Amino acid sequence: MNKHASQETAGRGQTPVVSVVVVNWNTRDLLRACLSSLPSNTGSLRIEAVVVDNGSSDGSPEMVAAEFPQAMLIRNSENVGFVRANNQGLEAATGEYRFMLNSDAEVREGCIERLVEVAENDRGIGAVGPRLLNSDGTDQESFGPFPRVLHRFFPSRFERAYCGRVERRMQETGNSIAPVDWLAGAALLCRRDVLERVGPLDERYRMWYDDIDWCRKLQRAGYTRVFVSDAVAMHHGRRSGGKIESQQLAEQLFDSEYTYLRLNEGRLATSAVFALRVGKALVSRLTARSEAARRDAAWRLGYHRRRFARFCLASVPPQMRRGV
C-alpha cells in the first residue's frame, strides 16, 4: 500500500497518525524536553516525530539519535533557516496530520489529542492551535489579528483588544474554541490535505511572520483557523533567537514584518509603514538624551535606507538570505 493510500485508510477509522515536525538549532536540552513531552502511541493516536537539525554544534542530533531512535532525523550541514527546515520536515512527514512544534515548546497532557479532535470535527478548519504558556505559567500570545497598516501605529493596543474580545466571547458562550485570524506557529496543527492545497510555508521569511502569512493563505482558501483554549502547550520562547545579537535580531524581525506587509497589504501600505518608522527614528535621534538611544535611532535609519528598494520599489520581496 502506498503512503497516500494508507493515510486515506487511517482517515476512515484507523488510528490517526500525527507527524510532529520540530526544527532545532543548538537547543539540545530543550529539544530533549520537547520530544519527551510527546504522548506515547495509543489506540487513539500515533505519533511520528520528525526532527530537522539546522547544523547544530551542541550535540543535538547525536542526542536525538541516541535517546529517540524512533524519530525521523534530518541533519542539515548548515543552518538553512527555520522556515526552510520546517518545510523539509513537513515534506518528509507521512502522517495525515502535521503538527509544527518549536524545539523550545512542550505539550501538556491531552494537547495533541484535543487538537486532532477539533480538526476532525469540521473539515472547514484549516489549522488549530493550543493555548501557549510562558515558562512561568502565564499566558503567552497564542493568536492575533492579521497585521494591517493602522495596527502598526499602535500594534500592542490593537492586539490586546482583539485577543480580549476573543477570550471574552469564549467565556460568555462557555465554548473552549474560537475562530481567529492567525495562530502562533510555535504549536500549529493541520491536516495533510490542507497543506497540500494551500502549499508550504513561504521561504522568503527567515523565521517570523511565516505562520501569520500561512494563516492568511488559509483564509483566502476558505479555511478557518481555530484557537483551542483547553489544549495547552508551554513555549519557553525564542531560545534559538536569543543567541542572535540584538541588532541582527531586530533586522530579521523588520525583514519578516515588511515581507508580510509587502506580500499581503501591497507596496503603498508598506511604504506608509516605512515612512512612519523613519519619522519615529528621526524624532528619536534628535530628542534622545542618551548616546545608546541615539545609536539605536541611527541604526534604524540605516536599516530603512538599506531596505527601501527591496520592500518599497521591487515588484515582490526577493528570497531572503539563508540563516536564522
Protein backbone atom coordinates (compact mmCIF):
# COMPACT_ATOMS: atom_id res chain seq x y z
CA MET A 1 0.00 0.00 0.00
CA ASN A 2 1.42 3.42 -0.90
CA LYS A 3 1.80 6.29 1.55
CA HIS A 4 -1.25 8.29 0.48
CA ALA A 5 -3.46 5.22 0.37
CA SER A 6 -2.51 4.29 3.91
CA GLN A 7 -3.27 7.85 5.04
CA GLU A 8 -6.72 7.81 3.47
CA THR A 9 -7.44 4.48 5.17
CA ALA A 10 -6.38 5.98 8.50
CA GLY A 11 -8.78 8.85 7.90
CA ARG A 12 -11.65 6.33 7.57
CA GLY A 13 -11.43 4.94 11.06
CA GLN A 14 -7.95 3.69 11.77
CA THR A 15 -5.71 5.33 14.35
CA PRO A 16 -4.72 8.79 13.05
CA VAL A 17 -1.01 9.48 12.63
CA VAL A 18 0.26 12.88 13.74
CA SER A 19 3.65 13.89 12.35
CA VAL A 20 5.26 16.29 14.84
CA VAL A 21 7.79 18.43 12.97
CA VAL A 22 10.46 20.04 15.17
CA VAL A 23 13.20 22.32 13.83
CA ASN A 24 16.27 22.57 16.04
CA TRP A 25 19.30 24.82 16.16
CA ASN A 26 21.54 24.36 19.20
CA THR A 27 18.75 23.79 21.77
CA ARG A 28 19.68 20.24 22.79
CA ASP A 29 18.26 20.22 26.32
CA LEU A 30 15.06 22.00 25.30
CA LEU A 31 14.71 19.62 22.34
CA ARG A 32 15.02 16.66 24.70
CA ALA A 33 12.22 18.07 26.88
CA CYS A 34 10.12 18.78 23.78
CA LEU A 35 10.38 15.24 22.43
CA SER A 36 9.86 13.75 25.89
CA SER A 37 6.58 15.64 26.22
CA LEU A 38 5.05 13.95 23.18
CA PRO A 39 2.39 11.36 24.02
CA SER A 40 3.07 7.67 23.59
CA ASN A 41 1.37 5.86 20.74
CA THR A 42 -2.07 4.76 21.89
CA GLY A 43 -5.21 3.30 20.38
CA SER A 44 -6.46 6.83 19.63
CA LEU A 45 -3.28 8.37 18.27
CA ARG A 46 0.06 7.53 16.73
CA ILE A 47 2.97 9.98 16.88
CA GLU A 48 5.67 10.31 14.24
CA ALA A 49 8.42 12.67 15.41
CA VAL A 50 10.35 14.42 12.61
CA VAL A 51 13.38 16.40 13.79
CA VAL A 52 15.17 18.72 11.34
CA ASP A 53 18.51 19.83 12.75
CA ASN A 54 19.97 23.00 11.27
CA GLY A 55 23.68 22.24 11.60
CA SER A 56 23.77 22.32 15.41
CA SER A 57 27.14 22.19 17.14
CA ASP A 58 25.84 21.33 20.64
CA GLY A 59 25.33 17.59 20.11
CA SER A 60 21.60 17.87 19.40
CA PRO A 61 21.46 15.37 16.51
CA GLU A 62 23.58 12.87 18.42
CA MET A 63 21.21 13.18 21.38
CA VAL A 64 18.17 12.54 19.16
CA ALA A 65 19.79 9.51 17.54
CA ALA A 66 20.77 8.03 20.92
CA GLU A 67 17.70 8.87 23.03
CA PHE A 68 14.88 9.00 20.47
CA PRO A 69 15.85 6.41 17.85
CA GLN A 70 12.24 6.13 16.69
CA ALA A 71 12.31 9.77 15.49
CA MET A 72 12.98 10.63 11.86
CA LEU A 73 16.16 12.75 11.96
CA ILE A 74 17.06 15.09 9.10
CA ARG A 75 20.52 16.59 9.51
CA ASN A 76 21.36 19.74 7.58
CA SER A 77 25.06 20.52 7.26
CA GLU A 78 24.34 24.22 7.75
CA ASN A 79 21.65 26.49 9.15
CA VAL A 80 19.25 26.79 6.22
CA GLY A 81 16.76 28.85 8.22
CA PHE A 82 13.76 27.96 10.32
CA VAL A 83 11.14 28.20 7.59
CA ARG A 84 13.02 26.17 5.00
CA ALA A 85 13.81 23.49 7.60
CA ASN A 86 10.16 23.37 8.64
CA ASN A 87 9.20 22.74 5.04
CA GLN A 88 11.76 19.94 4.88
CA GLY A 89 10.10 18.26 7.84
CA LEU A 90 6.58 18.76 6.52
CA GLU A 91 7.60 17.25 3.18
CA ALA A 92 9.24 14.21 4.80
CA ALA A 93 6.34 13.56 7.20
CA THR A 94 3.90 10.74 6.45
CA GLY A 95 1.00 11.38 8.87
CA GLU A 96 -2.42 12.67 7.86
CA TYR A 97 -1.91 15.38 10.48
CA ARG A 98 1.12 17.68 10.59
CA PHE A 99 1.96 19.40 13.87
CA MET A 100 4.61 22.12 13.74
CA LEU A 101 6.16 22.38 17.19
CA ASN A 102 9.06 24.59 18.27
CA SER A 103 12.03 22.88 19.87
CA ASP A 104 11.58 25.12 22.94
CA ALA A 105 7.97 24.04 23.44
CA GLU A 106 6.41 21.18 25.42
CA VAL A 107 2.88 19.85 25.01
CA ARG A 108 0.75 19.23 28.08
CA GLU A 109 -1.18 16.00 28.52
CA GLY A 110 -4.03 15.66 26.05
CA CYS A 111 -2.96 18.67 23.95
CA ILE A 112 -2.39 16.92 20.63
CA GLU A 113 -5.38 14.62 21.09
CA ARG A 114 -7.65 17.62 21.68
CA LEU A 115 -6.33 19.48 18.64
CA VAL A 116 -6.92 16.44 16.43
CA GLU A 117 -10.44 16.06 17.83
CA VAL A 118 -11.34 19.64 16.90
CA ALA A 119 -9.77 19.37 13.45
CA GLU A 120 -11.60 16.10 12.73
CA ASN A 121 -14.99 17.53 13.66
CA ASP A 122 -15.02 20.19 10.93
CA ARG A 123 -13.40 19.81 7.51
CA GLY A 124 -13.67 23.57 7.06
CA ILE A 125 -10.98 24.08 9.69
CA GLY A 126 -7.58 24.65 8.14
CA ALA A 127 -5.46 24.83 11.29
CA VAL A 128 -5.83 24.58 15.06
CA GLY A 129 -3.57 25.84 17.80
CA PRO A 130 -3.40 25.44 21.58
CA ARG A 131 -3.14 27.93 24.40
CA LEU A 132 0.55 28.78 24.84
CA LEU A 133 2.02 29.42 28.27
CA ASN A 134 5.28 31.08 29.24
CA SER A 135 7.82 29.22 31.35
CA ASP A 136 6.26 30.70 34.49
CA GLY A 137 2.77 29.52 33.53
CA THR A 138 1.43 32.92 32.43
CA ASP A 139 -0.43 33.31 29.15
CA GLN A 140 1.59 33.87 26.00
CA GLU A 141 0.37 35.29 22.69
CA SER A 142 -1.28 32.29 21.02
CA PHE A 143 -3.22 34.08 18.27
CA GLY A 144 -3.88 37.54 16.96
CA PRO A 145 -5.36 39.79 14.27
CA PHE A 146 -3.87 39.98 10.80
CA PRO A 147 -1.45 42.94 10.79
CA ARG A 148 -2.63 45.96 8.84
CA VAL A 149 -1.17 49.41 8.33
CA LEU A 150 -3.31 51.05 11.03
CA HIS A 151 -2.17 48.39 13.52
CA ARG A 152 1.47 49.42 13.02
CA PHE A 153 0.80 52.76 14.71
CA PHE A 154 -0.40 51.15 17.94
CA PRO A 155 0.29 47.41 17.49
CA SER A 156 0.06 46.36 21.15
CA ARG A 157 -3.24 48.18 21.67
CA PHE A 158 -4.90 46.54 18.65
CA GLU A 159 -3.58 43.08 19.51
CA ARG A 160 -4.66 43.27 23.16
CA ALA A 161 -8.13 44.47 22.19
CA TYR A 162 -8.54 41.68 19.64
CA CYS A 163 -7.36 38.94 21.98
CA GLY A 164 -9.52 40.31 24.79
CA ARG A 165 -12.63 40.13 22.60
CA VAL A 166 -11.90 36.50 21.66
CA GLU A 167 -11.34 35.46 25.28
CA ARG A 168 -14.49 37.23 26.48
CA ARG A 169 -16.55 35.62 23.74
CA MET A 170 -15.38 32.16 24.80
CA GLN A 171 -16.16 32.90 28.44
CA GLU A 172 -19.62 34.24 27.64
CA THR A 173 -20.54 31.28 25.45
CA GLY A 174 -18.78 28.62 27.55
CA ASN A 175 -17.03 27.44 24.41
CA SER A 176 -13.37 26.34 24.54
CA ILE A 177 -12.72 27.03 20.86
CA ALA A 178 -12.87 30.20 18.79
CA PRO A 179 -12.11 31.23 15.21
CA VAL A 180 -9.19 33.68 14.98
CA ASP A 181 -7.15 35.41 12.28
CA TRP A 182 -3.79 33.74 12.88
CA LEU A 183 -2.35 31.09 15.18
CA ALA A 184 1.18 31.05 16.56
CA GLY A 185 3.46 28.70 14.66
CA ALA A 186 5.15 27.55 17.87
CA ALA A 187 2.45 24.85 18.03
CA LEU A 188 0.24 24.58 14.96
CA LEU A 189 -1.64 21.53 13.65
CA CYS A 190 -3.22 21.00 10.24
CA ARG A 191 -4.39 18.13 8.05
CA ARG A 192 -2.21 16.85 5.23
CA ASP A 193 -4.82 17.64 2.59
CA VAL A 194 -4.98 21.27 3.76
CA LEU A 195 -1.21 21.62 3.49
CA GLU A 196 -1.26 20.10 0.02
CA ARG A 197 -3.96 22.50 -1.14
CA VAL A 198 -2.57 25.70 0.40
CA GLY A 199 1.11 24.91 -0.05
CA PRO A 200 4.12 25.08 2.29
CA LEU A 201 5.43 27.99 4.31
CA ASP A 202 6.86 30.87 2.26
CA GLU A 203 10.65 30.65 2.38
CA ARG A 204 11.00 34.37 1.77
CA TYR A 205 10.58 34.58 5.53
CA ARG A 206 13.56 33.65 7.65
CA MET A 207 11.91 32.90 10.94
CA TRP A 208 8.97 35.15 11.89
CA TYR A 209 5.63 36.07 10.27
CA ASP A 210 5.68 32.86 8.24
CA ASP A 211 2.87 31.50 10.43
CA ILE A 212 0.78 34.67 10.01
CA ASP A 213 1.34 34.62 6.25
CA TRP A 214 0.34 30.95 6.04
CA CYS A 215 -2.83 31.60 8.04
CA ARG A 216 -3.64 34.39 5.60
CA LYS A 217 -3.37 31.85 2.78
CA LEU A 218 -5.74 29.57 4.69
CA GLN A 219 -8.22 32.42 4.91
CA ARG A 220 -8.03 33.04 1.17
CA ALA A 221 -8.60 29.33 0.54
CA GLY A 222 -11.76 29.44 2.67
CA TYR A 223 -10.42 27.66 5.76
CA THR A 224 -10.99 28.84 9.33
CA ARG A 225 -8.22 28.98 11.93
CA VAL A 226 -9.31 27.84 15.38
CA PHE A 227 -7.85 28.55 18.80
CA VAL A 228 -8.42 25.66 21.25
CA SER A 229 -8.13 27.04 24.77
CA ASP A 230 -8.31 23.70 26.60
CA ALA A 231 -5.34 22.30 24.68
CA VAL A 232 -2.19 23.63 26.33
CA ALA A 233 1.49 23.82 25.43
CA MET A 234 4.35 25.57 27.20
CA HIS A 235 6.60 27.71 25.00
CA HIS A 236 9.82 28.88 26.60
CA GLY A 237 10.24 31.38 23.81
CA ARG A 238 12.93 32.45 21.36
CA ARG A 239 15.71 30.32 22.78
CA SER A 240 17.31 29.97 19.34
CA GLY A 241 16.64 33.59 18.52
CA GLY A 242 18.09 34.59 21.87
CA LYS A 243 21.51 33.52 20.63
CA ILE A 244 21.45 36.26 17.98
CA GLU A 245 22.83 39.77 18.52
CA SER A 246 20.09 42.33 19.28
CA GLN A 247 20.53 44.39 16.10
CA GLN A 248 20.67 41.28 13.94
CA LEU A 249 17.51 40.03 15.65
CA ALA A 250 15.77 43.37 15.11
CA GLU A 251 16.80 43.31 11.44
CA GLN A 252 15.31 39.88 10.96
CA LEU A 253 12.06 40.90 12.67
CA PHE A 254 11.81 44.02 10.50
CA ASP A 255 12.58 41.98 7.37
CA SER A 256 9.82 39.49 8.15
CA GLU A 257 7.27 42.17 9.03
CA TYR A 258 7.94 44.14 5.84
CA THR A 259 7.88 40.97 3.75
CA TYR A 260 4.44 40.19 5.17
CA LEU A 261 3.14 43.71 4.55
CA ARG A 262 4.54 43.81 1.01
CA LEU A 263 3.06 40.44 0.07
CA ASN A 264 -0.32 40.89 1.77
CA GLU A 265 -1.02 44.63 2.03
CA GLY A 266 0.81 45.97 -1.01
CA ARG A 267 3.53 48.47 -1.87
CA LEU A 268 1.68 51.61 -0.75
CA ALA A 269 0.88 50.19 2.68
CA THR A 270 4.46 49.02 3.15
CA SER A 271 5.79 52.43 2.14
CA ALA A 272 3.46 54.08 4.66
CA VAL A 273 4.82 51.94 7.48
CA PHE A 274 8.36 52.65 6.29
CA ALA A 275 7.65 56.39 6.47
CA LEU A 276 6.18 56.01 9.94
CA ARG A 277 9.24 54.16 11.22
CA VAL A 278 11.69 56.58 9.59
CA GLY A 279 9.85 59.53 11.12
CA LYS A 280 9.93 57.98 14.58
CA ALA A 281 13.65 57.21 14.24
CA LEU A 282 14.39 60.80 13.14
CA VAL A 283 12.50 62.22 16.11
CA SER A 284 14.24 59.82 18.46
CA ARG A 285 17.67 60.71 17.12
CA LEU A 286 17.02 64.42 17.54
CA THR A 287 15.49 64.21 21.02
CA ALA A 288 17.24 61.21 22.61
CA ARG A 289 19.12 62.04 25.80
CA SER A 290 21.40 59.01 25.87
CA GLU A 291 24.10 58.02 23.42
CA ALA A 292 22.70 54.48 23.30
CA ALA A 293 19.28 55.76 22.18
CA ARG A 294 20.88 57.95 19.51
CA ARG A 295 22.90 54.99 18.21
CA ASP A 296 19.77 52.85 18.08
CA ALA A 297 17.91 55.53 16.14
CA ALA A 298 20.84 55.86 13.72
CA TRP A 299 20.82 52.09 13.19
CA ARG A 300 17.09 52.12 12.43
CA LEU A 301 17.55 54.91 9.90
CA GLY A 302 20.39 52.99 8.28
CA TYR A 303 18.33 49.81 8.16
CA HIS A 304 15.42 51.55 6.42
CA ARG A 305 17.75 53.23 3.93
CA ARG A 306 19.28 49.86 3.01
CA ARG A 307 15.92 48.08 2.74
CA PHE A 308 13.89 50.77 0.94
CA ALA A 309 14.43 49.40 -2.57
CA ARG A 310 13.76 45.80 -1.51
CA PHE A 311 10.41 46.41 0.12
CA CYS A 312 9.08 49.62 -1.44
CA LEU A 313 10.32 49.50 -5.03
CA ALA A 314 10.74 45.85 -6.02
CA SER A 315 7.71 44.08 -7.50
CA VAL A 316 7.88 41.46 -4.72
CA PRO A 317 10.40 40.91 -1.91
CA PRO A 318 13.32 38.75 -3.08
CA GLN A 319 14.37 35.49 -1.46
CA MET A 320 15.91 36.14 1.95
CA ARG A 321 19.45 35.13 2.81
CA ARG A 322 20.00 31.79 4.44
CA GLY A 323 20.33 31.56 8.20
CA VAL A 324 18.13 32.13 11.20
